[in-house]
Amino acid sequence: MKNSKYVYLFEEANGTNKKLFGGKGAGLAEMTRMGLSVPSGFIVTTEACLHYYENKRNFLEALWKRCRIT
């Protein structure tokens, strides 16, 4: 089953889910949960990356909406 959420803040992510967040994303999420000094950031999931490549390198509209600065 595909995940419908493609962008997570470090604070929202689970450091044990390397399949969804990738190794770096999961590591940063875990360090954040441990209280280490990690700059604010976000993770674009591996599912979003796979979708990008499967769709001729076109970004998902959901990613653009999430990443827009208003």
Protein backbone atom coordinates (compact mmCIF):
# COMPACT_ATOMS: atom_id res chain seq x y z
CA MET A 1 0.00 0.00 0.00
CA LYS A 2 1.35 3.40 -0.95
CA ASN A 3 1.66 6.15 1.61
CA SER A 4 -0.38 9.27 0.80
CA LYS A 5 1.92 11.62 2.71
CA TYR A 6 5.15 12.46 0.91
CA VAL A 7 6.77 15.11 3.12
CA TYR A 8 7.51 14.78 6.86
CA LEU A 9 9.18 17.11 9.32
CA PHE A 10 12.01 15.43 11.21
CA GLU A 11 9.82 15.58 14.33
CA GLU A 12 7.03 13.65 12.60
CA ALA A 13 9.16 10.85 11.21
CA ASN A 14 10.06 7.52 12.78
CA GLY A 15 13.77 6.78 12.81
CA THR A 16 13.20 3.05 12.40
CA ASN A 17 11.38 3.35 9.06
CA LYS A 18 14.34 3.40 6.67
CA LYS A 19 12.25 1.97 3.85
CA LEU A 20 10.01 5.06 3.77
CA PHE A 21 12.47 7.76 4.87
CA GLY A 22 15.77 6.44 3.54
CA GLY A 23 18.84 6.02 5.72
CA LYS A 24 19.70 9.71 6.08
CA GLY A 25 16.11 10.78 6.70
CA ALA A 26 15.56 8.07 9.31
CA GLY A 27 18.85 8.95 10.98
CA LEU A 28 18.01 12.66 11.18
CA ALA A 29 14.54 11.85 12.53
CA GLU A 30 16.03 9.60 15.21
CA MET A 31 18.63 12.19 16.22
CA THR A 32 15.84 14.78 16.50
CA ARG A 33 13.81 12.45 18.73
CA MET A 34 16.89 11.90 20.93
CA GLY A 35 17.12 15.64 21.50
CA LEU A 36 20.39 16.14 19.62
CA SER A 37 21.02 19.50 18.00
CA VAL A 38 19.71 18.98 14.46
CA PRO A 39 18.74 21.92 12.23
CA SER A 40 15.06 22.08 11.31
CA GLY A 41 14.27 20.15 8.18
CA PHE A 42 12.03 17.77 6.34
CA ILE A 43 12.14 14.44 4.54
CA VAL A 44 10.73 13.72 1.10
CA THR A 45 9.81 10.04 1.19
CA THR A 46 11.27 7.34 -0.98
CA GLU A 47 7.76 6.79 -2.38
CA ALA A 48 7.76 10.36 -3.68
CA CYS A 49 11.16 9.76 -5.26
CA LEU A 50 9.98 6.55 -6.93
CA HIS A 51 6.86 8.30 -8.20
CA TYR A 52 9.05 11.06 -9.67
CA TYR A 53 11.12 8.58 -11.68
CA GLU A 54 8.11 6.46 -12.70
CA ASN A 55 6.38 9.57 -14.11
CA LYS A 56 9.08 10.89 -16.41
CA ARG A 57 10.65 13.06 -13.71
CA ASN A 58 7.50 15.06 -13.02
CA PHE A 59 6.92 16.25 -9.48
CA LEU A 60 3.74 15.36 -7.67
CA GLU A 61 1.32 18.26 -7.27
CA ALA A 62 1.10 17.33 -3.57
CA LEU A 63 4.83 18.06 -3.21
CA TRP A 64 4.54 21.46 -4.84
CA LYS A 65 1.62 22.37 -2.57
CA ARG A 66 3.53 21.27 0.54
CA CYS A 67 6.75 23.04 -0.39
CA ARG A 68 5.29 26.39 -1.51
CA ILE A 69 6.19 29.32 0.67
CA THR A 70 3.23 31.61 1.29
